[in-house]
Amino acid sequence: MKSVCVKFFKDESGATAIEYGLIATGIAIAIIAAVNGVGTSLSGTFNSISGSLK
């Protein structure tokens, strides 16, 4: 039983999976923020073009 507990506490595979998940989350947040900023800018541009065409 002791060897099973020691093996369980030394296993770090779950920790690396969590770290990769946190990195992926950080990248996703950065992408969303960038797309949101560009989308707002493009929306203004398209509205300006639409107003010019009318």
N, C-alpha and C. Protein backbone atom coordinates (compact mmCIF):
# COMPACT_ATOMS: atom_id res chain seq x y z
N MET A 1 0.82 -1.19 0.00
CA MET A 1 0.00 0.00 0.00
C MET A 1 0.87 1.26 0.00
N LYS A 2 1.96 1.21 0.75
CA LYS A 2 2.85 2.36 0.83
C LYS A 2 3.46 2.66 -0.54
N SER A 3 3.83 1.63 -1.28
CA SER A 3 4.44 1.85 -2.59
C SER A 3 3.43 2.46 -3.57
N VAL A 4 2.16 2.11 -3.43
CA VAL A 4 1.12 2.68 -4.29
C VAL A 4 0.96 4.17 -4.00
N CYS A 5 0.97 4.53 -2.73
CA CYS A 5 0.84 5.94 -2.34
C CYS A 5 2.05 6.75 -2.81
N VAL A 6 3.24 6.20 -2.66
CA VAL A 6 4.46 6.90 -3.09
C VAL A 6 4.43 7.10 -4.60
N LYS A 7 4.05 6.07 -5.33
CA LYS A 7 3.97 6.15 -6.79
C LYS A 7 2.93 7.20 -7.21
N PHE A 8 1.80 7.25 -6.52
CA PHE A 8 0.75 8.22 -6.82
C PHE A 8 1.24 9.66 -6.62
N PHE A 9 1.94 9.92 -5.54
CA PHE A 9 2.40 11.27 -5.24
C PHE A 9 3.57 11.70 -6.12
N LYS A 10 4.33 10.75 -6.68
CA LYS A 10 5.43 11.09 -7.57
C LYS A 10 4.98 11.28 -9.01
N ASP A 11 3.79 10.83 -9.35
CA ASP A 11 3.27 10.94 -10.71
C ASP A 11 2.93 12.39 -11.01
N GLU A 12 3.57 12.97 -12.02
CA GLU A 12 3.35 14.37 -12.37
C GLU A 12 2.66 14.54 -13.72
N SER A 13 2.13 13.49 -14.30
CA SER A 13 1.51 13.60 -15.62
C SER A 13 0.27 14.48 -15.59
N GLY A 14 -0.47 14.46 -14.51
CA GLY A 14 -1.65 15.32 -14.40
C GLY A 14 -1.27 16.78 -14.29
N ALA A 15 -0.16 17.07 -13.63
CA ALA A 15 0.29 18.45 -13.48
C ALA A 15 0.67 19.05 -14.82
N THR A 16 1.33 18.27 -15.68
CA THR A 16 1.70 18.81 -16.99
C THR A 16 0.47 19.04 -17.85
N ALA A 17 -0.53 18.19 -17.71
CA ALA A 17 -1.76 18.38 -18.48
C ALA A 17 -2.45 19.67 -18.06
N ILE A 18 -2.45 19.96 -16.78
CA ILE A 18 -3.05 21.20 -16.28
C ILE A 18 -2.27 22.40 -16.78
N GLU A 19 -0.94 22.30 -16.80
CA GLU A 19 -0.12 23.41 -17.30
C GLU A 19 -0.40 23.67 -18.77
N TYR A 20 -0.51 22.63 -19.57
CA TYR A 20 -0.83 22.81 -20.99
C TYR A 20 -2.22 23.42 -21.15
N GLY A 21 -3.14 23.04 -20.31
CA GLY A 21 -4.48 23.62 -20.35
C GLY A 21 -4.46 25.11 -20.03
N LEU A 22 -3.66 25.50 -19.05
CA LEU A 22 -3.54 26.92 -18.70
C LEU A 22 -2.89 27.72 -19.82
N ILE A 23 -1.89 27.13 -20.46
CA ILE A 23 -1.24 27.82 -21.58
C ILE A 23 -2.23 27.99 -22.73
N ALA A 24 -2.99 26.95 -23.04
CA ALA A 24 -3.98 27.03 -24.11
C ALA A 24 -5.05 28.07 -23.79
N THR A 25 -5.45 28.15 -22.53
CA THR A 25 -6.43 29.15 -22.12
C THR A 25 -5.88 30.57 -22.29
N GLY A 26 -4.64 30.78 -21.92
CA GLY A 26 -4.01 32.09 -22.08
C GLY A 26 -3.93 32.50 -23.54
N ILE A 27 -3.56 31.56 -24.40
CA ILE A 27 -3.48 31.84 -25.84
C ILE A 27 -4.86 32.16 -26.38
N ALA A 28 -5.87 31.41 -25.96
CA ALA A 28 -7.24 31.64 -26.43
C ALA A 28 -7.73 33.02 -26.02
N ILE A 29 -7.43 33.44 -24.80
CA ILE A 29 -7.85 34.77 -24.33
C ILE A 29 -7.16 35.86 -25.16
N ALA A 30 -5.87 35.66 -25.47
CA ALA A 30 -5.15 36.65 -26.29
C ALA A 30 -5.75 36.74 -27.69
N ILE A 31 -6.10 35.60 -28.27
CA ILE A 31 -6.69 35.59 -29.61
C ILE A 31 -8.05 36.27 -29.59
N ILE A 32 -8.86 35.98 -28.59
CA ILE A 32 -10.19 36.60 -28.49
C ILE A 32 -10.07 38.11 -28.35
N ALA A 33 -9.13 38.56 -27.53
CA ALA A 33 -8.95 40.00 -27.35
C ALA A 33 -8.51 40.67 -28.66
N ALA A 34 -7.60 40.03 -29.39
CA ALA A 34 -7.13 40.59 -30.66
C ALA A 34 -8.25 40.64 -31.69
N VAL A 35 -9.00 39.56 -31.79
CA VAL A 35 -10.10 39.50 -32.76
C VAL A 35 -11.18 40.52 -32.40
N ASN A 36 -11.44 40.68 -31.13
CA ASN A 36 -12.44 41.66 -30.68
C ASN A 36 -12.02 43.07 -31.08
N GLY A 37 -10.77 43.41 -30.88
CA GLY A 37 -10.28 44.74 -31.24
C GLY A 37 -10.33 44.98 -32.74
N VAL A 38 -9.91 43.99 -33.52
CA VAL A 38 -9.94 44.12 -34.98
C VAL A 38 -11.38 44.16 -35.47
N GLY A 39 -12.26 43.37 -34.86
CA GLY A 39 -13.66 43.35 -35.26
C GLY A 39 -14.34 44.69 -35.06
N THR A 40 -14.04 45.35 -33.97
CA THR A 40 -14.61 46.68 -33.70
C THR A 40 -14.13 47.68 -34.76
N SER A 41 -12.86 47.61 -35.08
CA SER A 41 -12.30 48.50 -36.09
C SER A 41 -12.92 48.23 -37.46
N LEU A 42 -13.05 46.98 -37.82
CA LEU A 42 -13.65 46.63 -39.11
C LEU A 42 -15.12 47.03 -39.17
N SER A 43 -15.81 46.90 -38.07
CA SER A 43 -17.22 47.29 -38.03
C SER A 43 -17.36 48.77 -38.34
N GLY A 44 -16.51 49.59 -37.77
CA GLY A 44 -16.55 51.03 -38.05
C GLY A 44 -16.23 51.32 -39.51
N THR A 45 -15.28 50.61 -40.06
CA THR A 45 -14.91 50.79 -41.47
C THR A 45 -16.07 50.42 -42.38
N PHE A 46 -16.69 49.28 -42.13
CA PHE A 46 -17.81 48.84 -42.96
C PHE A 46 -19.01 49.78 -42.83
N ASN A 47 -19.25 50.29 -41.64
CA ASN A 47 -20.32 51.26 -41.47
C ASN A 47 -20.04 52.54 -42.25
N SER A 48 -18.80 52.98 -42.26
CA SER A 48 -18.42 54.16 -43.01
C SER A 48 -18.61 53.95 -44.51
N ILE A 49 -18.20 52.80 -45.00
CA ILE A 49 -18.35 52.46 -46.42
C ILE A 49 -19.83 52.37 -46.77
N SER A 50 -20.61 51.74 -45.90
CA SER A 50 -22.04 51.61 -46.14
C SER A 50 -22.72 52.97 -46.20
N GLY A 51 -22.33 53.87 -45.33
CA GLY A 51 -22.88 55.22 -45.34
C GLY A 51 -22.50 55.99 -46.59
N SER A 52 -21.28 55.75 -47.08
CA SER A 52 -20.84 56.42 -48.30
C SER A 52 -21.58 55.93 -49.53
N LEU A 53 -21.97 54.68 -49.54
CA LEU A 53 -22.65 54.08 -50.70
C LEU A 53 -24.12 54.50 -50.79
N LYS A 54 -24.71 54.94 -49.70
CA LYS A 54 -26.14 55.27 -49.69
C LYS A 54 -26.42 56.58 -50.33
